[in-house]
Amino acid sequence: MREDLKSQNLTFTEIAKLVGENWQSLPPAEKEIYENQANSAKEKYHQGLTAYKKTAEYRKYAQYLHDFKERQSRQYKG
């Protein structure tokens, strides 16, 4: 499907519409395969994110982000 769409030089909107139509026409059993893959990927992502948030690197980034937002806030207030 991807190669077919790629060769047609469609806009993003046109591609999204065609992909949506194809998704709607899939039988429920076939949709379930993709939904299960998506759920597995989502669960893996959340597990990785939870583990990352326990690291020193995350704490360092969170502090940097906090400081950055504070500087931006002060800069725009005057």
Protein backbone atom coordinates (compact mmCIF):
# COMPACT_ATOMS: atom_id res chain seq x y z
CA MET A 1 0.00 0.00 0.00
CA ARG A 2 2.77 2.42 0.92
CA GLU A 3 4.49 2.14 -2.46
CA ASP A 4 1.17 2.63 -4.27
CA LEU A 5 0.47 5.83 -2.36
CA LYS A 6 4.05 7.05 -2.69
CA SER A 7 3.98 6.77 -6.48
CA GLN A 8 0.77 8.83 -6.74
CA ASN A 9 2.33 12.05 -5.36
CA LEU A 10 -0.64 12.68 -3.06
CA THR A 11 -0.88 15.34 -0.39
CA PHE A 12 -0.76 14.35 3.26
CA THR A 13 -4.51 14.97 3.55
CA GLU A 14 -5.26 12.71 0.60
CA ILE A 15 -3.03 9.97 2.00
CA ALA A 16 -4.66 10.21 5.42
CA LYS A 17 -8.10 9.94 3.84
CA LEU A 18 -7.15 6.83 1.84
CA VAL A 19 -5.49 5.17 4.82
CA GLY A 20 -8.57 5.91 6.93
CA GLU A 21 -10.85 4.40 4.31
CA ASN A 22 -8.66 1.30 4.12
CA TRP A 23 -8.71 0.97 7.90
CA GLN A 24 -12.51 1.22 8.00
CA SER A 25 -12.81 -1.51 5.38
CA LEU A 26 -10.62 -4.02 7.27
CA PRO A 27 -12.43 -6.93 8.88
CA PRO A 28 -12.45 -6.86 12.71
CA ALA A 29 -10.11 -9.86 12.97
CA GLU A 30 -7.48 -8.08 10.89
CA LYS A 31 -7.90 -4.83 12.82
CA GLU A 32 -7.36 -6.75 16.04
CA ILE A 33 -3.88 -7.79 14.89
CA TYR A 34 -2.83 -4.16 14.43
CA GLU A 35 -4.57 -3.02 17.61
CA ASN A 36 -2.71 -5.70 19.60
CA GLN A 37 0.59 -4.59 18.09
CA ALA A 38 -0.20 -0.98 18.97
CA ASN A 39 -1.16 -1.89 22.53
CA SER A 40 2.05 -3.89 22.98
CA ALA A 41 4.14 -1.01 21.66
CA LYS A 42 2.30 1.43 23.93
CA GLU A 43 2.88 -0.77 26.98
CA LYS A 44 6.57 -1.15 26.14
CA TYR A 45 6.88 2.63 25.73
CA HIS A 46 5.24 3.31 29.10
CA GLN A 47 7.47 0.77 30.83
CA GLY A 48 10.54 2.39 29.29
CA LEU A 49 9.33 5.85 30.25
CA THR A 50 8.73 4.76 33.84
CA ALA A 51 12.24 3.30 34.01
CA TYR A 52 13.73 6.45 32.45
CA LYS A 53 11.99 8.70 34.96
CA LYS A 54 13.89 6.89 37.73
CA THR A 55 17.31 7.76 36.28
CA ALA A 56 19.70 10.57 37.10
CA GLU A 57 19.57 11.67 33.46
CA TYR A 58 15.85 12.32 33.74
CA ARG A 59 16.25 14.27 36.97
CA LYS A 60 18.96 16.35 35.29
CA TYR A 61 16.72 16.99 32.29
CA ALA A 62 13.72 17.83 34.47
CA GLN A 63 15.82 20.37 36.39
CA TYR A 64 17.11 21.87 33.14
CA LEU A 65 13.55 22.16 31.81
CA HIS A 66 12.34 23.76 35.03
CA ASP A 67 15.18 26.30 34.95
CA PHE A 68 14.60 27.02 31.27
CA LYS A 69 10.90 27.68 31.80
CA GLU A 70 11.67 29.93 34.73
CA ARG A 71 14.14 31.97 32.66
CA GLN A 72 11.63 32.25 29.83
CA SER A 73 8.92 33.36 32.21
CA ARG A 74 11.12 36.05 33.73
CA GLN A 75 12.29 37.20 30.31
CA TYR A 76 8.75 37.77 29.03
CA LYS A 77 7.48 39.37 32.23
CA GLY A 78 9.90 42.16 31.92
